[in-house]
Amino acid sequence: MSRLAAALLGGGLTVAASVLLREAAPGGAARWQRSNYRGNTVSLLGGVATAKGSVAAALGAGGRAGAAGALAAAVGGALGAVDDLDPGAPASKGLRGHLGALARGEVTTGAIKLLGIGASAMVAAAVGTRMGERAAIDPGETGTAVRSAAARGLDVLTSGALVAGTANLVNLFDLRPGRGLKAAGALAAPLALAGGPGAPLATGVLAVIVASWSDDLAERTMMGDTGANALGALVGTAFALHPSARVRGIGLGAVVAATLLSERVSFSKVIEATPVLRRVDGWGRTA
């Protein structure tokens, strides 16, 4: 039932929020308008709707997983909006740029987002894993293995890093219509199929993606940091709740590697130069 509730609430609220925000945009529609990579005017309100749908999907999932996902998505969306609406913020500074500015005593909205999402991700990981006290049951056995404080602390730390890292990674991919949605979907689909504590959250992510799809691909809206960070944080929470430590470890390693690679390599150039990736990237676009 939690999967169905997550999908219905997530998808339904995304659509409802899209309609309502078009009719009554906070601060006026112009405040949320931006030029995309082709110079077309698009609205960041699509990202606000995506963020609201992500929180709703988590609440629909219920339980500790739902609470963790709602916290991560809400903070990711709120801090993403702060960054999106800052008129003095550069289009992209990257991880190195924000940390470098922070080291010089310059607090950018990107740095605030980085630290805030990181902190909320740790809290979400602690909530979702019961302070790292996961069930550790082999097939055919019963009961829950007792874990040391060090093991629980490491679990929360790495799970929180996975939540925050995935939120950032989806945002890094959100440079073309639909690309961020496709990246989130590629992560969420196997998590939804795998079952386990994070499956309802992953199912909710897929519903939010479906609800956001047409406006984003048609270049009427874009997710921006608001939508990408919220949706990515929800995917990351689902990932962090996967019962396999090996899967979580591989996921964290891949997220960290991709993030570091993005500081030196343009994902857009790689995608454009790779025929298969270029076809997937262009799928569904109207132009």
C-alpha atoms as a PDB file:
ATOM      1  CA  MET A   1       0.000   0.000   0.000  1.00  0.00           C
ATOM      2  CA  SER A   2       2.850   2.397   0.748  1.00  0.00           C
ATOM      3  CA  ARG A   3       4.087   2.102  -2.849  1.00  0.00           C
ATOM      4  CA  LEU A   4       0.672   2.986  -4.219  1.00  0.00           C
ATOM      5  CA  ALA A   5       0.258   5.866  -1.774  1.00  0.00           C
ATOM      6  CA  ALA A   6       3.726   7.205  -2.624  1.00  0.00           C
ATOM      7  CA  ALA A   7       2.985   7.064  -6.344  1.00  0.00           C
ATOM      8  CA  LEU A   8      -0.484   8.624  -6.096  1.00  0.00           C
ATOM      9  CA  LEU A   9       0.536  11.394  -3.720  1.00  0.00           C
ATOM     10  CA  GLY A  10       3.811  12.110  -5.481  1.00  0.00           C
ATOM     11  CA  GLY A  11       2.429  12.203  -8.992  1.00  0.00           C
ATOM     12  CA  GLY A  12      -0.852  13.808  -8.020  1.00  0.00           C
ATOM     13  CA  LEU A  13       0.663  16.653  -6.019  1.00  0.00           C
ATOM     14  CA  THR A  14       3.238  17.341  -8.726  1.00  0.00           C
ATOM     15  CA  VAL A  15       0.462  17.845 -11.272  1.00  0.00           C
ATOM     16  CA  ALA A  16      -1.697  19.843  -8.871  1.00  0.00           C
ATOM     17  CA  ALA A  17       1.203  22.058  -7.835  1.00  0.00           C
ATOM     18  CA  SER A  18       2.100  22.694 -11.480  1.00  0.00           C
ATOM     19  CA  VAL A  19      -1.414  23.952 -12.194  1.00  0.00           C
ATOM     20  CA  LEU A  20      -1.687  26.066  -9.043  1.00  0.00           C
ATOM     21  CA  LEU A  21       1.755  27.625  -9.442  1.00  0.00           C
ATOM     22  CA  ARG A  22       0.983  28.687 -12.996  1.00  0.00           C
ATOM     23  CA  GLU A  23      -2.104  30.488 -11.720  1.00  0.00           C
ATOM     24  CA  ALA A  24      -0.467  32.065  -8.665  1.00  0.00           C
ATOM     25  CA  ALA A  25       3.331  32.101  -8.822  1.00  0.00           C
ATOM     26  CA  PRO A  26       4.954  33.340  -5.587  1.00  0.00           C
ATOM     27  CA  GLY A  27       6.353  36.797  -6.338  1.00  0.00           C
ATOM     28  CA  GLY A  28       4.993  36.691  -9.883  1.00  0.00           C
ATOM     29  CA  ALA A  29       5.798  34.441 -12.825  1.00  0.00           C
ATOM     30  CA  ALA A  30       8.695  36.611 -14.015  1.00  0.00           C
ATOM     31  CA  ARG A  31      10.632  35.924 -10.834  1.00  0.00           C
ATOM     32  CA  TRP A  32      10.900  32.264 -11.805  1.00  0.00           C
ATOM     33  CA  GLN A  33      11.751  32.668 -15.487  1.00  0.00           C
ATOM     34  CA  ARG A  34      15.182  31.771 -16.814  1.00  0.00           C
ATOM     35  CA  SER A  35      16.839  31.210 -20.185  1.00  0.00           C
ATOM     36  CA  ASN A  36      17.821  27.625 -20.917  1.00  0.00           C
ATOM     37  CA  TYR A  37      20.763  26.337 -22.949  1.00  0.00           C
ATOM     38  CA  ARG A  38      19.056  27.282 -26.238  1.00  0.00           C
ATOM     39  CA  GLY A  39      18.044  30.746 -25.053  1.00  0.00           C
ATOM     40  CA  ASN A  40      14.385  29.779 -24.621  1.00  0.00           C
ATOM     41  CA  THR A  41      12.483  31.180 -21.658  1.00  0.00           C
ATOM     42  CA  VAL A  42      11.494  28.453 -19.203  1.00  0.00           C
ATOM     43  CA  SER A  43      10.030  28.509 -15.720  1.00  0.00           C
ATOM     44  CA  LEU A  44      11.634  27.214 -12.536  1.00  0.00           C
ATOM     45  CA  LEU A  45       8.143  26.661 -11.167  1.00  0.00           C
ATOM     46  CA  GLY A  46       8.333  23.187 -12.675  1.00  0.00           C
ATOM     47  CA  GLY A  47      11.102  22.460 -10.199  1.00  0.00           C
ATOM     48  CA  VAL A  48       8.996  23.767  -7.327  1.00  0.00           C
ATOM     49  CA  ALA A  49       6.207  21.388  -8.345  1.00  0.00           C
ATOM     50  CA  THR A  50       8.700  18.525  -8.588  1.00  0.00           C
ATOM     51  CA  ALA A  51      10.022  19.308  -5.104  1.00  0.00           C
ATOM     52  CA  LYS A  52       6.518  19.410  -3.624  1.00  0.00           C
ATOM     53  CA  GLY A  53       5.683  16.120  -5.307  1.00  0.00           C
ATOM     54  CA  SER A  54       8.882  14.553  -3.972  1.00  0.00           C
ATOM     55  CA  VAL A  55       7.983  15.467  -0.382  1.00  0.00           C
ATOM     56  CA  ALA A  56       4.440  14.197  -0.876  1.00  0.00           C
ATOM     57  CA  ALA A  57       5.706  10.909  -2.310  1.00  0.00           C
ATOM     58  CA  ALA A  58       7.891  10.397   0.765  1.00  0.00           C
ATOM     59  CA  LEU A  59       5.016  11.123   3.116  1.00  0.00           C
ATOM     60  CA  GLY A  60       2.907   8.634   1.192  1.00  0.00           C
ATOM     61  CA  ALA A  61       5.575   5.981   1.720  1.00  0.00           C
ATOM     62  CA  GLY A  62       5.141   6.390   5.474  1.00  0.00           C
ATOM     63  CA  GLY A  63       7.214   5.014   8.344  1.00  0.00           C
ATOM     64  CA  ARG A  64      10.861   5.812   8.995  1.00  0.00           C
ATOM     65  CA  ALA A  65      11.674   5.668   5.294  1.00  0.00           C
ATOM     66  CA  GLY A  66       8.984   8.217   4.533  1.00  0.00           C
ATOM     67  CA  ALA A  67      10.098  10.559   7.302  1.00  0.00           C
ATOM     68  CA  ALA A  68      13.701  10.343   6.143  1.00  0.00           C
ATOM     69  CA  GLY A  69      12.786  10.922   2.502  1.00  0.00           C
ATOM     70  CA  ALA A  70      10.474  13.842   3.299  1.00  0.00           C
ATOM     71  CA  LEU A  71      13.179  15.564   5.351  1.00  0.00           C
ATOM     72  CA  ALA A  72      15.857  15.098   2.694  1.00  0.00           C
ATOM     73  CA  ALA A  73      13.594  16.204  -0.168  1.00  0.00           C
ATOM     74  CA  ALA A  74      12.157  19.202   1.713  1.00  0.00           C
ATOM     75  CA  VAL A  75      15.548  20.591   2.716  1.00  0.00           C
ATOM     76  CA  GLY A  76      17.011  19.854  -0.726  1.00  0.00           C
ATOM     77  CA  GLY A  77      14.143  21.695  -2.409  1.00  0.00           C
ATOM     78  CA  ALA A  78      14.154  24.639   0.008  1.00  0.00           C
ATOM     79  CA  LEU A  79      17.898  25.241  -0.217  1.00  0.00           C
ATOM     80  CA  GLY A  80      17.812  24.674  -3.957  1.00  0.00           C
ATOM     81  CA  ALA A  81      15.221  27.449  -4.214  1.00  0.00           C
ATOM     82  CA  VAL A  82      17.482  29.784  -2.225  1.00  0.00           C
ATOM     83  CA  ASP A  83      20.226  29.147  -4.770  1.00  0.00           C
ATOM     84  CA  ASP A  84      17.865  29.430  -7.753  1.00  0.00           C
ATOM     85  CA  LEU A  85      16.459  32.774  -6.609  1.00  0.00           C
ATOM     86  CA  ASP A  86      19.739  34.411  -5.634  1.00  0.00           C
ATOM     87  CA  PRO A  87      20.305  37.087  -8.311  1.00  0.00           C
ATOM     88  CA  GLY A  88      24.016  37.267  -7.530  1.00  0.00           C
ATOM     89  CA  ALA A  89      24.689  33.548  -7.687  1.00  0.00           C
ATOM     90  CA  PRO A  90      26.823  32.341 -10.625  1.00  0.00           C
ATOM     91  CA  ALA A  91      25.263  29.791 -12.919  1.00  0.00           C
ATOM     92  CA  SER A  92      27.667  27.105 -11.684  1.00  0.00           C
ATOM     93  CA  LYS A  93      30.680  27.119  -9.456  1.00  0.00           C
ATOM     94  CA  GLY A  94      30.982  23.415  -8.884  1.00  0.00           C
ATOM     95  CA  LEU A  95      31.996  21.671  -5.692  1.00  0.00           C
ATOM     96  CA  ARG A  96      35.542  22.987  -5.828  1.00  0.00           C
ATOM     97  CA  GLY A  97      34.375  26.545  -6.454  1.00  0.00           C
ATOM     98  CA  HIS A  98      31.968  26.632  -3.528  1.00  0.00           C
ATOM     99  CA  LEU A  99      34.417  25.040  -1.106  1.00  0.00           C
ATOM    100  CA  GLY A 100      37.168  27.368  -2.293  1.00  0.00           C
ATOM    101  CA  ALA A 101      34.947  30.404  -1.713  1.00  0.00           C
ATOM    102  CA  LEU A 102      34.063  29.101   1.734  1.00  0.00           C
ATOM    103  CA  ALA A 103      37.747  28.681   2.575  1.00  0.00           C
ATOM    104  CA  ARG A 104      38.270  32.368   1.695  1.00  0.00           C
ATOM    105  CA  GLY A 105      35.455  33.366   4.025  1.00  0.00           C
ATOM    106  CA  GLU A 106      32.917  33.916   1.237  1.00  0.00           C
ATOM    107  CA  VAL A 107      29.619  32.230   2.007  1.00  0.00           C
ATOM    108  CA  THR A 108      27.791  31.577  -1.273  1.00  0.00           C
ATOM    109  CA  THR A 109      24.240  30.268  -1.559  1.00  0.00           C
ATOM    110  CA  GLY A 110      25.809  27.204  -3.148  1.00  0.00           C
ATOM    111  CA  ALA A 111      27.932  26.640  -0.050  1.00  0.00           C
ATOM    112  CA  ILE A 112      24.876  27.059   2.174  1.00  0.00           C
ATOM    113  CA  LYS A 113      23.082  24.506   0.037  1.00  0.00           C
ATOM    114  CA  LEU A 114      26.049  22.134   0.152  1.00  0.00           C
ATOM    115  CA  LEU A 115      26.337  22.247   3.934  1.00  0.00           C
ATOM    116  CA  GLY A 116      22.593  22.288   4.581  1.00  0.00           C
ATOM    117  CA  ILE A 117      21.814  19.348   2.320  1.00  0.00           C
ATOM    118  CA  GLY A 118      24.768  17.457   3.786  1.00  0.00           C
ATOM    119  CA  ALA A 119      23.547  18.001   7.346  1.00  0.00           C
ATOM    120  CA  SER A 120      19.940  17.086   6.539  1.00  0.00           C
ATOM    121  CA  ALA A 121      21.136  13.993   4.671  1.00  0.00           C
ATOM    122  CA  MET A 122      22.931  12.764   7.797  1.00  0.00           C
ATOM    123  CA  VAL A 123      19.795  13.299   9.890  1.00  0.00           C
ATOM    124  CA  ALA A 124      17.679  11.562   7.254  1.00  0.00           C
ATOM    125  CA  ALA A 125      20.103   8.625   7.219  1.00  0.00           C
ATOM    126  CA  ALA A 126      19.959   8.384  11.011  1.00  0.00           C
ATOM    127  CA  VAL A 127      16.149   8.436  10.962  1.00  0.00           C
ATOM    128  CA  GLY A 128      15.800   5.963   8.116  1.00  0.00           C
ATOM    129  CA  THR A 129      18.295   3.434   9.499  1.00  0.00           C
ATOM    130  CA  ARG A 130      17.387   3.775  13.194  1.00  0.00           C
ATOM    131  CA  MET A 131      20.756   5.379  13.926  1.00  0.00           C
ATOM    132  CA  GLY A 132      22.497   2.767  11.787  1.00  0.00           C
ATOM    133  CA  GLU A 133      20.919  -0.188  13.558  1.00  0.00           C
ATOM    134  CA  ARG A 134      19.889  -2.041  10.426  1.00  0.00           C
ATOM    135  CA  ALA A 135      18.462  -5.513  10.366  1.00  0.00           C
ATOM    136  CA  ALA A 136      21.357  -7.867   9.672  1.00  0.00           C
ATOM    137  CA  ILE A 137      19.646 -11.174   9.052  1.00  0.00           C
ATOM    138  CA  ASP A 138      20.968 -13.966   6.878  1.00  0.00           C
ATOM    139  CA  PRO A 139      18.479 -16.020   4.858  1.00  0.00           C
ATOM    140  CA  GLY A 140      16.728 -18.523   7.085  1.00  0.00           C
ATOM    141  CA  GLU A 141      17.737 -16.796  10.347  1.00  0.00           C
ATOM    142  CA  THR A 142      15.613 -14.696  12.669  1.00  0.00           C
ATOM    143  CA  GLY A 143      16.386 -11.724  14.820  1.00  0.00           C
ATOM    144  CA  THR A 144      18.508  -8.625  14.398  1.00  0.00           C
ATOM    145  CA  ALA A 145      22.285  -8.639  14.780  1.00  0.00           C
ATOM    146  CA  VAL A 146      23.701  -6.225  17.365  1.00  0.00           C
ATOM    147  CA  ARG A 147      26.042  -3.700  15.751  1.00  0.00           C
ATOM    148  CA  SER A 148      28.801  -1.764  17.426  1.00  0.00           C
ATOM    149  CA  ALA A 149      28.600   1.994  17.860  1.00  0.00           C
ATOM    150  CA  ALA A 150      31.411   2.406  15.335  1.00  0.00           C
ATOM    151  CA  ALA A 151      29.550   0.303  12.742  1.00  0.00           C
ATOM    152  CA  ARG A 152      26.356   2.256  13.282  1.00  0.00           C
ATOM    153  CA  GLY A 153      28.193   5.564  13.018  1.00  0.00           C
ATOM    154  CA  LEU A 154      29.904   4.528   9.797  1.00  0.00           C
ATOM    155  CA  ASP A 155      26.561   3.388   8.392  1.00  0.00           C
ATOM    156  CA  VAL A 156      24.932   6.758   9.093  1.00  0.00           C
ATOM    157  CA  LEU A 157      27.932   8.648   7.716  1.00  0.00           C
ATOM    158  CA  THR A 158      28.120   6.723   4.449  1.00  0.00           C
ATOM    159  CA  SER A 159      24.335   6.619   4.019  1.00  0.00           C
ATOM    160  CA  GLY A 160      24.129  10.365   4.558  1.00  0.00           C
ATOM    161  CA  ALA A 161      26.894  10.896   2.007  1.00  0.00           C
ATOM    162  CA  LEU A 162      24.927   8.773  -0.472  1.00  0.00           C
ATOM    163  CA  VAL A 163      21.783  10.876   0.052  1.00  0.00           C
ATOM    164  CA  ALA A 164      23.608  14.198  -0.338  1.00  0.00           C
ATOM    165  CA  GLY A 165      25.797  12.965  -3.180  1.00  0.00           C
ATOM    166  CA  THR A 166      22.835  11.706  -5.189  1.00  0.00           C
ATOM    167  CA  ALA A 167      20.986  15.003  -4.674  1.00  0.00           C
ATOM    168  CA  ASN A 168      23.994  16.819  -6.106  1.00  0.00           C
ATOM    169  CA  LEU A 169      24.506  14.314  -8.927  1.00  0.00           C
ATOM    170  CA  VAL A 170      20.967  14.657 -10.275  1.00  0.00           C
ATOM    171  CA  ASN A 171      21.469  18.419 -10.213  1.00  0.00           C
ATOM    172  CA  LEU A 172      24.709  18.064 -12.180  1.00  0.00           C
ATOM    173  CA  PHE A 173      22.832  16.184 -14.906  1.00  0.00           C
ATOM    174  CA  ASP A 174      20.008  18.725 -15.100  1.00  0.00           C
ATOM    175  CA  LEU A 175      21.567  20.747 -17.917  1.00  0.00           C
ATOM    176  CA  ARG A 176      19.272  19.733 -20.763  1.00  0.00           C
ATOM    177  CA  PRO A 177      15.499  19.091 -20.975  1.00  0.00           C
ATOM    178  CA  GLY A 178      14.661  15.806 -19.293  1.00  0.00           C
ATOM    179  CA  ARG A 179      18.240  14.823 -18.531  1.00  0.00           C
ATOM    180  CA  GLY A 180      17.922  15.181 -14.765  1.00  0.00           C
ATOM    181  CA  LEU A 181      14.629  13.288 -14.795  1.00  0.00           C
ATOM    182  CA  LYS A 182      16.184  10.472 -16.819  1.00  0.00           C
ATOM    183  CA  ALA A 183      19.173  10.247 -14.460  1.00  0.00           C
ATOM    184  CA  ALA A 184      16.856  10.059 -11.452  1.00  0.00           C
ATOM    185  CA  GLY A 185      14.702   7.456 -13.183  1.00  0.00           C
ATOM    186  CA  ALA A 186      17.707   5.310 -14.089  1.00  0.00           C
ATOM    187  CA  LEU A 187      18.578   5.142 -10.391  1.00  0.00           C
ATOM    188  CA  ALA A 188      15.029   4.794  -9.071  1.00  0.00           C
ATOM    189  CA  ALA A 189      13.736   2.041 -11.388  1.00  0.00           C
ATOM    190  CA  PRO A 190      16.015  -0.784 -10.151  1.00  0.00           C
ATOM    191  CA  LEU A 191      15.533   0.338  -6.542  1.00  0.00           C
ATOM    192  CA  ALA A 192      11.765   0.147  -6.960  1.00  0.00           C
ATOM    193  CA  LEU A 193      12.023  -3.327  -8.484  1.00  0.00           C
ATOM    194  CA  ALA A 194      14.468  -4.582  -5.860  1.00  0.00           C
ATOM    195  CA  GLY A 195      12.025  -4.113  -2.992  1.00  0.00           C
ATOM    196  CA  GLY A 196      13.125  -3.393   0.547  1.00  0.00           C
ATOM    197  CA  PRO A 197      12.633  -0.323   2.759  1.00  0.00           C
ATOM    198  CA  GLY A 198      13.503   2.177   0.032  1.00  0.00           C
ATOM    199  CA  ALA A 199      11.255   0.729  -2.690  1.00  0.00           C
ATOM    200  CA  PRO A 200       8.192   2.896  -1.877  1.00  0.00           C
ATOM    201  CA  LEU A 201      10.363   6.019  -2.083  1.00  0.00           C
ATOM    202  CA  ALA A 202      11.793   4.916  -5.426  1.00  0.00           C
ATOM    203  CA  THR A 203       8.292   4.196  -6.715  1.00  0.00           C
ATOM    204  CA  GLY A 204       7.254   7.688  -5.660  1.00  0.00           C
ATOM    205  CA  VAL A 205      10.236   9.122  -7.536  1.00  0.00           C
ATOM    206  CA  LEU A 206       9.097   7.414 -10.735  1.00  0.00           C
ATOM    207  CA  ALA A 207       5.601   8.866 -10.335  1.00  0.00           C
ATOM    208  CA  VAL A 208       6.999  12.376  -9.841  1.00  0.00           C
ATOM    209  CA  ILE A 209       9.147  11.929 -12.957  1.00  0.00           C
ATOM    210  CA  VAL A 210       6.103  10.911 -15.028  1.00  0.00           C
ATOM    211  CA  ALA A 211       4.165  13.929 -13.740  1.00  0.00           C
ATOM    212  CA  SER A 212       7.052  16.313 -14.490  1.00  0.00           C
ATOM    213  CA  TRP A 213       7.970  14.794 -17.838  1.00  0.00           C
ATOM    214  CA  SER A 214       5.935  16.662 -20.461  1.00  0.00           C
ATOM    215  CA  ASP A 215       6.598  20.222 -19.267  1.00  0.00           C
ATOM    216  CA  ASP A 216      10.312  19.591 -18.765  1.00  0.00           C
ATOM    217  CA  LEU A 217      10.867  17.847 -22.112  1.00  0.00           C
ATOM    218  CA  ALA A 218       8.825  20.476 -23.967  1.00  0.00           C
ATOM    219  CA  GLU A 219      11.037  23.221 -22.470  1.00  0.00           C
ATOM    220  CA  ARG A 220       8.145  24.939 -20.735  1.00  0.00           C
ATOM    221  CA  THR A 221       9.758  24.394 -17.343  1.00  0.00           C
ATOM    222  CA  MET A 222      13.031  23.215 -15.848  1.00  0.00           C
ATOM    223  CA  MET A 223      13.809  21.576 -12.526  1.00  0.00           C
ATOM    224  CA  GLY A 224      16.610  23.901 -11.512  1.00  0.00           C
ATOM    225  CA  ASP A 225      18.305  23.297  -8.180  1.00  0.00           C
ATOM    226  CA  THR A 226      14.913  23.271  -6.437  1.00  0.00           C
ATOM    227  CA  GLY A 227      13.528  20.253  -8.235  1.00  0.00           C
ATOM    228  CA  ALA A 228      16.770  18.426  -8.964  1.00  0.00           C
ATOM    229  CA  ASN A 229      18.052  18.548  -5.381  1.00  0.00           C
ATOM    230  CA  ALA A 230      14.690  17.480  -3.952  1.00  0.00           C
ATOM    231  CA  LEU A 231      14.182  14.616  -6.400  1.00  0.00           C
ATOM    232  CA  GLY A 232      17.825  13.563  -6.138  1.00  0.00           C
ATOM    233  CA  ALA A 233      17.677  13.561  -2.338  1.00  0.00           C
ATOM    234  CA  LEU A 234      14.618  11.307  -2.450  1.00  0.00           C
ATOM    235  CA  VAL A 235      16.367   8.883  -4.821  1.00  0.00           C
ATOM    236  CA  GLY A 236      19.436   9.008  -2.584  1.00  0.00           C
ATOM    237  CA  THR A 237      17.357   8.161   0.483  1.00  0.00           C
ATOM    238  CA  ALA A 238      15.854   5.165  -1.297  1.00  0.00           C
ATOM    239  CA  PHE A 239      19.381   4.107  -2.261  1.00  0.00           C
ATOM    240  CA  ALA A 240      20.692   4.581   1.287  1.00  0.00           C
ATOM    241  CA  LEU A 241      17.948   2.310   2.648  1.00  0.00           C
ATOM    242  CA  HIS A 242      18.872  -0.601   0.391  1.00  0.00           C
ATOM    243  CA  PRO A 243      19.581  -3.608   2.654  1.00  0.00           C
ATOM    244  CA  SER A 244      22.822  -4.593   0.892  1.00  0.00           C
ATOM    245  CA  ALA A 245      25.954  -2.854   2.173  1.00  0.00           C
ATOM    246  CA  ARG A 246      27.723  -3.883  -1.040  1.00  0.00           C
ATOM    247  CA  VAL A 247      25.108  -2.197  -3.221  1.00  0.00           C
ATOM    248  CA  ARG A 248      25.226   0.929  -1.095  1.00  0.00           C
ATOM    249  CA  GLY A 249      29.017   0.961  -1.209  1.00  0.00           C
ATOM    250  CA  ILE A 250      29.129   0.593  -4.982  1.00  0.00           C
ATOM    251  CA  GLY A 251      26.514   3.323  -5.294  1.00  0.00           C
ATOM    252  CA  LEU A 252      28.439   5.717  -3.072  1.00  0.00           C
ATOM    253  CA  GLY A 253      31.668   5.033  -4.936  1.00  0.00           C
ATOM    254  CA  ALA A 254      29.976   5.708  -8.280  1.00  0.00           C
ATOM    255  CA  VAL A 255      28.364   8.935  -7.027  1.00  0.00           C
ATOM    256  CA  VAL A 256      31.641  10.246  -5.613  1.00  0.00           C
ATOM    257  CA  ALA A 257      33.555   9.304  -8.762  1.00  0.00           C
ATOM    258  CA  ALA A 258      30.994  10.986 -11.036  1.00  0.00           C
ATOM    259  CA  THR A 259      30.989  14.121  -8.881  1.00  0.00           C
ATOM    260  CA  LEU A 260      34.765  14.409  -8.958  1.00  0.00           C
ATOM    261  CA  LEU A 261      34.802  13.697 -12.683  1.00  0.00           C
ATOM    262  CA  SER A 262      32.326  16.517 -13.265  1.00  0.00           C
ATOM    263  CA  GLU A 263      34.914  18.984 -11.955  1.00  0.00           C
ATOM    264  CA  ARG A 264      37.150  18.162 -14.926  1.00  0.00           C
ATOM    265  CA  VAL A 265      34.895  16.766 -17.641  1.00  0.00           C
ATOM    266  CA  SER A 266      31.755  18.182 -19.247  1.00  0.00           C
ATOM    267  CA  PHE A 267      28.979  15.582 -19.084  1.00  0.00           C
ATOM    268  CA  SER A 268      27.233  17.377 -21.955  1.00  0.00           C
ATOM    269  CA  LYS A 269      30.264  16.995 -24.212  1.00  0.00           C
ATOM    270  CA  VAL A 270      30.655  13.316 -23.330  1.00  0.00           C
ATOM    271  CA  ILE A 271      26.975  12.640 -24.016  1.00  0.00           C
ATOM    272  CA  GLU A 272      27.077  14.540 -27.309  1.00  0.00           C
ATOM    273  CA  ALA A 273      30.156  12.595 -28.431  1.00  0.00           C
ATOM    274  CA  THR A 274      28.654   9.173 -27.585  1.00  0.00           C
ATOM    275  CA  PRO A 275      25.933   8.054 -30.061  1.00  0.00           C
ATOM    276  CA  VAL A 276      24.016   5.811 -27.630  1.00  0.00           C
ATOM    277  CA  LEU A 277      24.025   8.395 -24.865  1.00  0.00           C
ATOM    278  CA  ARG A 278      23.083  11.127 -27.331  1.00  0.00           C
ATOM    279  CA  ARG A 279      20.023   9.169 -28.483  1.00  0.00           C
ATOM    280  CA  VAL A 280      18.917   8.450 -24.907  1.00  0.00           C
ATOM    281  CA  ASP A 281      19.495  12.076 -23.961  1.00  0.00           C
ATOM    282  CA  GLY A 282      17.361  13.331 -26.839  1.00  0.00           C
ATOM    283  CA  TRP A 283      14.539  10.851 -26.355  1.00  0.00           C
ATOM    284  CA  GLY A 284      11.231  12.543 -25.661  1.00  0.00           C
ATOM    285  CA  ARG A 285      12.306  16.089 -26.487  1.00  0.00           C
ATOM    286  CA  THR A 286      10.041  18.112 -28.728  1.00  0.00           C
ATOM    287  CA  ALA A 287      12.912  20.124 -30.239  1.00  0.00           C
END
